[in-house]
Amino acid sequence: MKSEDYLLGLDIGSSSVKAAVVEIASGKAVAQSQSPDHEMPMSAPQPGWAEQDPELWWKHVVMAIQKCLASIDKKRVKAIGIGYQMHGLVVVDQQLKPLRPAIIWCDSRAVEIGNNAFQGLGEEYCLTHLLNSPGNFTASKLKWVQQNEPEIYKKIFKVMLPGDYIALKLTGEALTTKTGLSEGVFWDFPSQSLSQKLIDYFGCDSKVICPQTGVFSSQGKLCKSACDELGLSSETMVSYRAGDQPNNAFALGVINPGEAAANGGTSGVIYSVTDRDVFDAKSRVNTFLHVNHQNEQKRNGVLLCVNGTGILNSWLRKNVSSSSYENMNELASRVDVGSEDLLFIPFGNGAERILENKISQASLHGLDFNRHSQAHLFRAAQEGIVFAFQYGFDILAAMGVSAQTIKAGATNLFLSPVFREAFVNTMNVKLELYDTNGAIGAALGAGVGAGIYSSFAEALGGLNKQMEIIPEKEKTEMYKEAYIRWNNKLRELKMI
């Protein structure tokens, strides 16, 4: 490889597609882009539904790549990695064309199907073999299509996750990964294979499941149509794909048991790595294969997800304040811990896993017209998001999956000093912030998968820690009291 050779990483979110170009020699990002500049549209044909057109993702992949490579020799891009929104369902026909819009991660239509399967397959089987209830994951969404759209179901050639579809558009090959199958709750952990029992229970044909490829592997070179559209070399390979949260953890170097990563985007996540097959009996948090899992070296990721995080902050900016996030954060900083007893419950973005897949609404409590201002509202929202994290963090601790340090990218909610302070002191953990993101992580993963980097350590050697924040005893006590009030409100509302 020459010093000016590059890796390209993609992060396929539900809000936007991000791209990053990493220089192989230094491991540093030399260009980054996003498309669209604002949020991608999401369709909700019925309450609780959430769909996107897979071709819309591809459109913005093309635009993000073109922007990112505008001043870079495209022929020097050696490999591409893909991070993608988890748990979505894409179904394609024999011509590899989507048969319907993708049913994405925050769509709630399959909750009842998953709950019924949890009972029908048996709770013990689901928890010990799938490490999850089928819940609202990809397998249950496929069953929904079978039940409600039989004519579409009959035409299905392959079932895919969002990242599988983008890889298909790049290479022309319909493949998936073990980690992807575990994210869709198709995976049997004890046998390390596809769960035929679940497939049979749902009355599906295992032929619709794509063949497996490795997370870090040669997954195909670019097909002619992708080369023509992107201007990249036909020798460029796709060599990495992973769900956004495992990929975010990899980008932060979180690959060993006891390490944990966090993300505060549209949804919020804490993702802890373990070498045990652990589960929560109520499936409020979920266990999936981590990117570096091997049969002989078990690595699982336990994912705590709160749907209503960045999307709450975004809603406030659009509907309450016309100012920037920076200004909202500054106003929030003027208010004391606890927001003068104003409580924000942030659960307003579909079925919340930590609430046992209940579909609930966000709500505000204790509003006093004479005391509270926009600033209180902004602070209460950020505190409410952190308190939701803490509720899930307690579940992780009960499973024996805890962390003293949590790593995060210096992006999204972690740009807010108020959020960082609340996060560290409520959860009593050290927070490390790094100059990285999912697109950079995907590029570095591609370098490993293509054999350009010989190890994870080499790929992640350029990781740059920007900030470290530790709890302060006095503030920890203050946030503990505020969290107890918030938790009591959840109980009063019968949400837990």
Protein backbone atom coordinates (compact mmCIF):
# COMPACT_ATOMS: atom_id res chain seq x y z
CA MET A 1 0.00 0.00 0.00
CA LYS A 2 1.15 3.53 -0.72
CA SER A 3 1.09 6.21 1.95
CA GLU A 4 -1.71 8.05 0.14
CA ASP A 5 -4.04 5.03 0.05
CA TYR A 6 -7.35 5.29 1.88
CA LEU A 7 -10.19 3.44 3.58
CA LEU A 8 -13.84 4.54 3.31
CA GLY A 9 -16.33 4.12 6.13
CA LEU A 10 -20.11 4.49 6.00
CA ASP A 11 -22.53 4.91 8.91
CA ILE A 12 -26.09 4.27 7.71
CA GLY A 13 -28.39 5.88 10.26
CA SER A 14 -32.10 6.55 10.21
CA SER A 15 -31.41 10.31 10.35
CA SER A 16 -28.53 10.55 7.88
CA VAL A 17 -25.69 8.73 6.16
CA LYS A 18 -22.20 9.69 7.31
CA ALA A 19 -19.00 8.94 5.42
CA ALA A 20 -15.36 9.16 6.46
CA VAL A 21 -12.11 8.71 4.57
CA VAL A 22 -9.23 7.41 6.67
CA GLU A 23 -5.61 7.59 5.56
CA ILE A 24 -4.22 4.08 5.92
CA ALA A 25 -0.72 5.12 7.01
CA SER A 26 -1.82 7.36 9.89
CA GLY A 27 -5.22 5.88 10.74
CA LYS A 28 -6.60 9.43 10.80
CA ALA A 29 -9.73 10.75 9.11
CA VAL A 30 -8.83 13.15 6.31
CA ALA A 31 -12.36 13.86 5.09
CA GLN A 32 -15.88 13.47 6.47
CA SER A 33 -19.35 14.21 5.18
CA GLN A 34 -23.02 13.73 5.86
CA SER A 35 -26.08 13.43 3.66
CA PRO A 36 -28.63 14.89 3.92
CA ASP A 37 -27.67 17.99 5.87
CA HIS A 38 -30.89 17.63 7.83
CA GLU A 39 -32.78 14.50 8.84
CA MET A 40 -33.94 11.87 6.34
CA PRO A 41 -37.71 11.46 6.21
CA MET A 42 -39.30 8.59 8.10
CA SER A 43 -42.77 7.36 7.17
CA ALA A 44 -45.36 6.40 9.81
CA PRO A 45 -48.37 5.01 7.87
CA GLN A 46 -49.95 4.05 11.20
CA PRO A 47 -49.23 5.04 14.82
CA GLY A 48 -46.19 3.14 16.10
CA TRP A 49 -44.89 2.35 12.61
CA ALA A 50 -41.61 3.59 11.17
CA GLU A 51 -40.47 2.91 7.61
CA GLN A 52 -37.82 4.15 5.20
CA ASP A 53 -37.15 3.45 1.54
CA PRO A 54 -33.87 1.48 1.22
CA GLU A 55 -33.22 3.31 -2.04
CA LEU A 56 -33.24 6.55 -0.05
CA TRP A 57 -30.33 5.20 2.01
CA TRP A 58 -28.46 4.37 -1.19
CA LYS A 59 -29.16 7.81 -2.64
CA HIS A 60 -27.56 9.42 0.40
CA VAL A 61 -24.71 6.90 0.45
CA VAL A 62 -23.84 8.08 -3.07
CA MET A 63 -24.12 11.75 -2.10
CA ALA A 64 -22.11 11.34 1.11
CA ILE A 65 -19.34 9.45 -0.73
CA GLN A 66 -19.19 12.02 -3.51
CA LYS A 67 -18.86 14.86 -0.99
CA CYS A 68 -16.28 13.00 1.06
CA LEU A 69 -14.12 12.08 -1.93
CA ALA A 70 -14.40 15.42 -3.72
CA SER A 71 -10.70 16.23 -3.27
CA ILE A 72 -9.34 12.68 -2.95
CA ASP A 73 -8.15 10.28 -5.64
CA LYS A 74 -11.02 7.79 -5.70
CA LYS A 75 -8.85 5.09 -7.23
CA ARG A 76 -6.77 5.04 -4.05
CA VAL A 77 -9.71 3.87 -1.91
CA LYS A 78 -8.81 0.25 -1.12
CA ALA A 79 -11.66 -0.96 1.07
CA ILE A 80 -15.07 0.04 2.40
CA GLY A 81 -16.64 -0.65 5.78
CA ILE A 82 -20.31 -0.32 6.70
CA GLY A 83 -21.94 0.49 10.02
CA TYR A 84 -25.73 0.46 9.95
CA GLN A 85 -28.92 0.98 11.93
CA MET A 86 -29.73 -2.29 13.69
CA HIS A 87 -32.86 -4.48 13.73
CA GLY A 88 -34.40 -3.23 10.47
CA LEU A 89 -36.05 -5.51 7.92
CA VAL A 90 -35.38 -5.23 4.18
CA VAL A 91 -36.97 -7.82 1.88
CA VAL A 92 -35.92 -8.17 -1.76
CA ASP A 93 -37.15 -10.17 -4.75
CA GLN A 94 -35.10 -12.35 -7.12
CA GLN A 95 -33.97 -9.24 -8.98
CA LEU A 96 -32.63 -8.02 -5.59
CA LYS A 97 -35.08 -5.11 -5.57
CA PRO A 98 -36.89 -4.05 -2.36
CA LEU A 99 -40.44 -5.37 -2.20
CA ARG A 100 -41.62 -2.78 0.34
CA PRO A 101 -40.19 0.01 2.51
CA ALA A 102 -37.82 -1.15 5.23
CA ILE A 103 -39.41 -1.66 8.64
CA ILE A 104 -36.80 0.08 10.80
CA TRP A 105 -35.55 -0.24 14.37
CA CYS A 106 -38.09 2.01 16.12
CA ASP A 107 -41.15 0.48 14.41
CA SER A 108 -43.41 -1.15 17.02
CA ARG A 109 -45.81 -3.22 14.90
CA ALA A 110 -44.26 -6.59 15.71
CA VAL A 111 -44.25 -6.28 19.52
CA GLU A 112 -47.24 -8.56 20.04
CA ILE A 113 -45.86 -11.14 17.59
CA GLY A 114 -42.59 -11.21 19.50
CA ASN A 115 -44.32 -11.45 22.87
CA ASN A 116 -46.43 -14.36 21.62
CA ALA A 117 -43.32 -16.10 20.29
CA PHE A 118 -41.64 -15.66 23.68
CA GLN A 119 -44.45 -17.70 25.19
CA GLY A 120 -44.89 -20.09 22.26
CA LEU A 121 -41.23 -21.02 21.94
CA GLY A 122 -40.92 -21.01 25.71
CA GLU A 123 -39.28 -18.37 27.85
CA GLU A 124 -36.50 -20.73 28.93
CA TYR A 125 -35.61 -21.61 25.34
CA CYS A 126 -35.63 -17.98 24.22
CA LEU A 127 -33.49 -16.77 27.09
CA THR A 128 -30.96 -19.61 27.08
CA HIS A 129 -30.69 -20.02 23.29
CA LEU A 130 -31.54 -16.61 21.79
CA LEU A 131 -30.51 -14.65 24.93
CA ASN A 132 -33.52 -12.46 24.16
CA SER A 133 -37.23 -12.50 23.63
CA PRO A 134 -37.97 -12.35 19.86
CA GLY A 135 -39.47 -9.01 20.89
CA ASN A 136 -39.67 -6.33 18.25
CA PHE A 137 -36.63 -7.52 16.31
CA THR A 138 -36.13 -8.43 12.65
CA ALA A 139 -37.42 -12.01 12.91
CA SER A 140 -40.73 -10.81 14.39
CA LYS A 141 -41.00 -8.11 11.71
CA LEU A 142 -40.61 -10.79 9.04
CA LYS A 143 -43.46 -12.75 10.63
CA TRP A 144 -45.57 -9.57 10.52
CA VAL A 145 -45.03 -9.34 6.75
CA GLN A 146 -46.01 -13.00 6.38
CA GLN A 147 -49.23 -12.46 8.34
CA ASN A 148 -50.25 -9.08 6.96
CA GLU A 149 -48.75 -8.87 3.46
CA PRO A 150 -48.87 -12.46 2.15
CA GLU A 151 -48.53 -11.45 -1.50
CA ILE A 152 -45.33 -9.57 -0.74
CA TYR A 153 -44.11 -12.39 1.47
CA LYS A 154 -44.47 -14.91 -1.36
CA LYS A 155 -42.10 -12.84 -3.51
CA ILE A 156 -39.32 -12.64 -0.92
CA PHE A 157 -36.00 -13.98 -2.18
CA LYS A 158 -33.79 -12.75 0.66
CA VAL A 159 -34.22 -11.05 4.02
CA MET A 160 -31.65 -8.42 4.93
CA LEU A 161 -30.60 -5.96 7.56
CA PRO A 162 -30.01 -2.37 6.39
CA GLY A 163 -26.24 -2.86 6.17
CA ASP A 164 -26.67 -6.03 4.14
CA TYR A 165 -28.69 -4.05 1.61
CA ILE A 166 -26.05 -1.34 1.24
CA ALA A 167 -23.38 -4.04 0.83
CA LEU A 168 -25.61 -5.61 -1.83
CA LYS A 169 -25.77 -2.31 -3.71
CA LEU A 170 -21.98 -2.07 -3.57
CA THR A 171 -21.07 -5.66 -4.48
CA GLY A 172 -24.17 -7.24 -6.01
CA GLU A 173 -23.91 -10.05 -3.43
CA ALA A 174 -26.64 -10.86 -0.89
CA LEU A 175 -24.77 -11.76 2.31
CA THR A 176 -25.16 -11.29 6.05
CA THR A 177 -23.08 -11.96 9.17
CA LYS A 178 -23.38 -13.92 12.41
CA THR A 179 -23.57 -10.65 14.30
CA GLY A 180 -26.36 -9.46 12.01
CA LEU A 181 -28.32 -12.66 12.54
CA SER A 182 -27.96 -12.26 16.30
CA GLU A 183 -29.19 -8.64 16.02
CA GLY A 184 -32.26 -9.92 14.21
CA VAL A 185 -32.72 -12.61 16.92
CA PHE A 186 -32.25 -15.41 14.42
CA TRP A 187 -29.16 -16.80 16.22
CA ASP A 188 -28.85 -19.80 18.56
CA PHE A 189 -25.97 -19.03 20.93
CA PRO A 190 -25.25 -22.53 22.36
CA SER A 191 -25.03 -24.14 18.90
CA GLN A 192 -23.49 -21.05 17.26
CA SER A 193 -25.83 -21.37 14.31
CA LEU A 194 -29.10 -20.16 12.84
CA SER A 195 -32.02 -20.96 15.15
CA GLN A 196 -33.99 -23.43 13.08
CA LYS A 197 -36.47 -23.77 15.93
CA LEU A 198 -37.37 -20.07 15.69
CA ILE A 199 -37.54 -20.24 11.88
CA ASP A 200 -39.87 -23.24 12.07
CA TYR A 201 -42.02 -21.64 14.77
CA PHE A 202 -42.58 -18.59 12.59
CA GLY A 203 -43.34 -20.83 9.59
CA CYS A 204 -40.60 -19.24 7.51
CA ASP A 205 -38.25 -20.81 4.98
CA SER A 206 -34.59 -20.67 6.00
CA LYS A 207 -33.72 -20.20 2.31
CA VAL A 208 -34.64 -16.53 2.64
CA ILE A 209 -31.75 -16.02 5.08
CA CYS A 210 -28.64 -14.75 3.30
CA PRO A 211 -25.42 -16.79 3.39
CA GLN A 212 -22.97 -15.68 6.07
CA THR A 213 -19.72 -13.80 5.66
CA GLY A 214 -17.29 -12.67 8.34
CA VAL A 215 -17.62 -9.25 9.97
CA PHE A 216 -13.97 -8.63 9.10
CA SER A 217 -13.54 -10.35 5.74
CA SER A 218 -13.41 -9.95 1.98
CA GLN A 219 -17.14 -9.56 1.29
CA GLY A 220 -16.90 -8.80 -2.43
CA LYS A 221 -15.44 -6.23 -4.80
CA LEU A 222 -17.49 -3.37 -6.17
CA CYS A 223 -19.88 -4.32 -8.94
CA LYS A 224 -19.95 -2.39 -12.23
CA SER A 225 -23.03 -0.35 -11.39
CA ALA A 226 -21.51 0.81 -8.07
CA CYS A 227 -18.20 1.67 -9.77
CA ASP A 228 -20.04 3.67 -12.42
CA GLU A 229 -22.12 5.56 -9.88
CA LEU A 230 -19.37 6.21 -7.35
CA GLY A 231 -16.30 6.51 -9.56
CA LEU A 232 -14.39 3.99 -7.43
CA SER A 233 -12.08 1.24 -8.66
CA SER A 234 -13.47 -2.21 -9.43
CA GLU A 235 -10.68 -3.53 -7.17
CA THR A 236 -12.14 -1.76 -4.13
CA MET A 237 -13.57 -4.32 -1.73
CA VAL A 238 -16.19 -4.28 1.01
CA SER A 239 -14.44 -5.85 3.99
CA TYR A 240 -16.42 -4.97 7.12
CA ARG A 241 -20.02 -4.60 8.24
CA ALA A 242 -21.57 -4.31 11.68
CA GLY A 243 -24.61 -2.84 13.39
CA ASP A 244 -24.19 0.76 14.48
CA GLN A 245 -23.78 0.09 18.19
CA PRO A 246 -21.22 -2.75 17.94
CA ASN A 247 -19.47 -0.63 15.32
CA ASN A 248 -19.52 2.43 17.59
CA ALA A 249 -17.96 0.30 20.34
CA PHE A 250 -15.27 -0.92 17.94
CA ALA A 251 -14.53 2.67 16.89
CA LEU A 252 -13.85 3.44 20.57
CA GLY A 253 -11.65 0.37 21.06
CA VAL A 254 -14.29 -1.38 23.19
CA ILE A 255 -13.60 -5.02 22.37
CA ASN A 256 -12.71 -6.72 25.67
CA PRO A 257 -14.85 -7.94 28.60
CA GLY A 258 -15.57 -5.19 31.12
CA GLU A 259 -15.29 -2.38 28.56
CA ALA A 260 -18.29 -0.21 27.68
CA ALA A 261 -19.27 2.37 25.08
CA ALA A 262 -22.06 4.92 24.94
CA ASN A 263 -23.82 6.79 22.18
CA GLY A 264 -26.27 9.68 22.37
CA GLY A 265 -27.69 9.99 18.88
CA THR A 266 -31.35 9.68 17.85
CA SER A 267 -31.56 6.85 20.35
CA GLY A 268 -29.17 6.42 23.27
CA VAL A 269 -27.13 3.33 24.00
CA ILE A 270 -24.79 1.85 26.55
CA TYR A 271 -23.04 -1.18 25.11
CA SER A 272 -20.98 -3.44 27.40
CA VAL A 273 -18.74 -6.30 26.28
CA THR A 274 -18.76 -9.62 28.12
CA ASP A 275 -17.38 -13.13 27.59
CA ARG A 276 -20.54 -14.74 29.02
CA ASP A 277 -23.92 -15.66 27.54
CA VAL A 278 -25.96 -13.38 29.79
CA PHE A 279 -29.57 -12.27 29.55
CA ASP A 280 -32.17 -10.22 31.35
CA ALA A 281 -35.21 -12.36 32.17
CA LYS A 282 -37.50 -9.55 30.97
CA SER A 283 -35.39 -8.77 27.84
CA ARG A 284 -35.18 -5.12 28.86
CA VAL A 285 -31.59 -5.13 27.65
CA ASN A 286 -30.36 -7.39 24.89
CA THR A 287 -27.34 -9.55 24.15
CA PHE A 288 -25.85 -9.89 20.66
CA LEU A 289 -22.61 -11.19 19.20
CA HIS A 290 -19.90 -8.53 19.26
CA VAL A 291 -17.81 -7.74 16.18
CA ASN A 292 -14.78 -9.73 17.39
CA HIS A 293 -16.68 -12.80 18.58
CA GLN A 294 -15.09 -16.14 17.76
CA ASN A 295 -16.39 -19.60 18.67
CA GLU A 296 -13.20 -20.19 20.66
CA GLN A 297 -13.20 -16.67 22.20
CA LYS A 298 -16.66 -15.54 23.15
CA ARG A 299 -17.39 -11.83 22.89
CA ASN A 300 -20.95 -10.64 23.36
CA GLY A 301 -22.29 -7.12 23.50
CA VAL A 302 -25.05 -6.32 25.99
CA LEU A 303 -27.04 -3.41 24.63
CA LEU A 304 -29.08 -0.99 26.72
CA CYS A 305 -31.15 1.20 24.41
CA VAL A 306 -33.32 4.23 25.15
CA ASN A 307 -35.26 5.33 22.07
CA GLY A 308 -36.11 8.82 23.28
CA THR A 309 -32.74 10.58 23.58
CA GLY A 310 -31.40 12.79 20.78
CA ILE A 311 -34.82 12.74 19.17
CA LEU A 312 -36.20 14.47 22.30
CA ASN A 313 -33.53 17.18 22.09
CA SER A 314 -34.29 17.55 18.38
CA TRP A 315 -38.03 17.86 19.08
CA LEU A 316 -37.37 20.61 21.62
CA ARG A 317 -35.21 22.55 19.19
CA LYS A 318 -37.86 22.35 16.46
CA ASN A 319 -40.91 23.03 18.60
CA VAL A 320 -39.78 25.00 21.64
CA SER A 321 -36.64 26.84 20.60
CA SER A 322 -35.47 28.11 17.23
CA SER A 323 -31.92 28.46 18.53
CA SER A 324 -28.98 26.11 18.15
CA TYR A 325 -28.18 23.11 20.32
CA GLU A 326 -25.22 25.09 21.66
CA ASN A 327 -27.56 27.83 22.89
CA MET A 328 -29.96 25.26 24.37
CA ASN A 329 -27.04 23.68 26.25
CA GLU A 330 -25.90 27.07 27.53
CA LEU A 331 -29.40 27.88 28.82
CA ALA A 332 -29.62 24.46 30.50
CA SER A 333 -26.34 25.15 32.32
CA ARG A 334 -27.94 28.14 34.10
CA VAL A 335 -30.30 25.85 36.03
CA ASP A 336 -29.34 23.84 39.12
CA VAL A 337 -29.29 20.05 39.34
CA GLY A 338 -32.83 18.68 39.48
CA SER A 339 -34.29 21.45 37.30
CA GLU A 340 -36.21 22.81 40.30
CA ASP A 341 -38.29 19.62 40.51
CA LEU A 342 -39.27 19.65 36.84
CA LEU A 343 -39.23 16.05 35.58
CA PHE A 344 -39.08 14.93 31.95
CA ILE A 345 -39.99 11.35 31.03
CA PRO A 346 -38.30 10.85 27.62
CA PHE A 347 -40.11 7.73 26.36
CA GLY A 348 -41.90 8.97 23.23
CA ASN A 349 -40.27 7.17 20.30
CA GLY A 350 -41.91 3.78 19.89
CA ALA A 351 -41.69 0.65 22.00
CA GLU A 352 -39.06 1.04 24.72
CA ARG A 353 -37.15 -2.14 25.44
CA ILE A 354 -36.16 -1.14 28.98
CA LEU A 355 -39.89 -0.75 29.71
CA GLU A 356 -40.53 -4.32 28.44
CA ASN A 357 -41.46 -3.05 24.97
CA LYS A 358 -44.23 -0.80 26.22
CA ILE A 359 -45.28 1.95 23.85
CA SER A 360 -45.58 5.05 25.99
CA GLN A 361 -45.59 8.80 25.58
CA ALA A 362 -43.05 11.33 26.75
CA SER A 363 -44.35 13.54 29.54
CA LEU A 364 -43.44 16.56 31.65
CA HIS A 365 -44.22 16.75 35.37
CA GLY A 366 -44.17 19.50 37.97
CA LEU A 367 -44.34 22.42 35.54
CA ASP A 368 -44.81 25.73 37.37
CA PHE A 369 -45.60 28.68 35.08
CA ASN A 370 -44.16 31.10 37.63
CA ARG A 371 -40.85 29.29 38.18
CA HIS A 372 -39.92 27.33 35.09
CA SER A 373 -38.50 28.64 31.83
CA GLN A 374 -37.08 27.25 28.60
CA ALA A 375 -33.81 26.71 30.45
CA HIS A 376 -35.51 24.42 33.00
CA LEU A 377 -37.16 22.51 30.17
CA PHE A 378 -33.87 21.94 28.35
CA ARG A 379 -32.09 20.81 31.51
CA ALA A 380 -34.96 18.56 32.63
CA ALA A 381 -34.91 16.88 29.20
CA GLN A 382 -31.18 16.12 29.35
CA GLU A 383 -31.45 14.92 32.94
CA GLY A 384 -34.44 12.75 32.05
CA ILE A 385 -32.44 11.08 29.29
CA VAL A 386 -29.58 10.36 31.72
CA PHE A 387 -32.01 9.03 34.32
CA ALA A 388 -33.41 6.63 31.70
CA PHE A 389 -29.84 5.48 31.10
CA GLN A 390 -29.39 4.96 34.85
CA TYR A 391 -32.53 2.84 35.04
CA GLY A 392 -31.09 0.59 32.35
CA PHE A 393 -27.62 0.68 33.91
CA ASP A 394 -29.11 -0.77 37.09
CA ILE A 395 -30.45 -3.68 35.00
CA LEU A 396 -26.97 -4.28 33.57
CA ALA A 397 -25.48 -4.26 37.08
CA ALA A 398 -28.00 -6.86 38.23
CA MET A 399 -26.80 -9.08 35.36
CA GLY A 400 -23.20 -8.71 36.48
CA VAL A 401 -22.35 -6.52 33.48
CA SER A 402 -21.01 -3.30 34.92
CA ALA A 403 -18.33 -0.79 34.00
CA GLN A 404 -16.27 1.78 35.87
CA THR A 405 -15.35 3.65 32.69
CA ILE A 406 -17.54 4.40 29.68
CA LYS A 407 -16.13 5.61 26.36
CA ALA A 408 -18.05 7.79 23.91
CA GLY A 409 -17.45 9.84 20.81
CA ALA A 410 -17.37 13.60 21.32
CA THR A 411 -20.59 14.02 19.33
CA ASN A 412 -24.35 14.51 19.72
CA LEU A 413 -25.56 14.70 23.33
CA PHE A 414 -22.02 14.31 24.65
CA LEU A 415 -21.26 17.78 23.28
CA SER A 416 -23.43 19.16 26.09
CA PRO A 417 -21.58 19.98 29.36
CA VAL A 418 -24.85 19.54 31.28
CA PHE A 419 -25.43 16.10 29.78
CA ARG A 420 -21.84 15.01 30.49
CA GLU A 421 -22.05 16.19 34.10
CA ALA A 422 -25.38 14.46 34.66
CA PHE A 423 -24.16 11.27 32.97
CA VAL A 424 -20.98 10.97 35.04
CA ASN A 425 -22.49 11.87 38.40
CA THR A 426 -25.78 10.01 38.10
CA MET A 427 -24.10 6.80 36.94
CA ASN A 428 -20.96 7.29 39.06
CA VAL A 429 -18.61 6.36 36.21
CA LYS A 430 -15.61 7.92 34.53
CA LEU A 431 -16.40 9.19 31.04
CA GLU A 432 -13.77 9.26 28.30
CA LEU A 433 -14.54 11.18 25.11
CA TYR A 434 -12.74 10.39 21.86
CA ASP A 435 -12.42 12.07 18.49
CA THR A 436 -14.07 9.32 16.52
CA ASN A 437 -17.44 8.21 15.18
CA GLY A 438 -19.17 5.29 13.49
CA ALA A 439 -18.02 6.17 9.98
CA ILE A 440 -14.37 6.31 11.10
CA GLY A 441 -14.82 3.02 12.95
CA ALA A 442 -16.27 1.39 9.83
CA ALA A 443 -13.28 2.58 7.79
CA LEU A 444 -10.82 1.15 10.32
CA GLY A 445 -12.80 -2.09 10.41
CA ALA A 446 -12.48 -2.30 6.64
CA GLY A 447 -8.72 -2.03 7.06
CA VAL A 448 -8.73 -5.05 9.37
CA GLY A 449 -11.06 -7.05 7.13
CA ALA A 450 -8.95 -6.36 4.05
CA GLY A 451 -5.77 -7.45 5.85
CA ILE A 452 -4.30 -3.95 5.58
CA TYR A 453 -4.02 -3.76 9.36
CA SER A 454 -2.65 -6.87 11.01
CA SER A 455 -4.47 -6.39 14.31
CA PHE A 456 -7.12 -4.38 16.12
CA ALA A 457 -4.35 -2.63 18.03
CA GLU A 458 -2.77 -1.43 14.79
CA ALA A 459 -6.10 -0.26 13.39
CA LEU A 460 -7.04 1.63 16.55
CA GLY A 461 -3.58 3.01 17.30
CA GLY A 462 -4.56 6.52 16.24
CA LEU A 463 -7.52 6.79 18.65
CA ASN A 464 -7.34 10.22 20.30
CA LYS A 465 -8.81 10.83 23.75
CA GLN A 466 -10.07 14.41 23.97
CA MET A 467 -11.50 14.59 27.46
CA GLU A 468 -11.88 12.66 30.70
CA ILE A 469 -14.54 13.47 33.29
CA ILE A 470 -14.83 11.88 36.73
CA PRO A 471 -17.65 11.98 39.28
CA GLU A 472 -17.67 14.59 42.03
CA LYS A 473 -18.99 13.35 45.38
CA GLU A 474 -21.16 16.39 46.12
CA LYS A 475 -22.76 16.35 42.66
CA THR A 476 -23.19 12.56 42.78
CA GLU A 477 -25.37 12.96 45.88
CA MET A 478 -27.42 15.71 44.23
CA TYR A 479 -28.04 13.68 41.09
CA LYS A 480 -28.87 10.60 43.16
CA GLU A 481 -31.67 12.51 44.86
CA ALA A 482 -32.95 13.84 41.52
CA TYR A 483 -32.87 10.34 40.02
CA ILE A 484 -34.87 8.91 42.94
CA ARG A 485 -37.59 11.53 42.33
CA TRP A 486 -37.62 10.66 38.62
CA ASN A 487 -37.73 6.91 39.29
CA ASN A 488 -40.57 7.37 41.77
CA LYS A 489 -42.51 9.23 39.08
CA LEU A 490 -42.10 6.22 36.74
CA ARG A 491 -43.56 3.99 39.45
CA GLU A 492 -46.38 6.42 40.10
CA LEU A 493 -47.20 6.35 36.37
CA LYS A 494 -47.03 2.53 36.46
CA MET A 495 -44.39 2.53 33.73
CA ILE A 496 -42.18 0.14 35.76
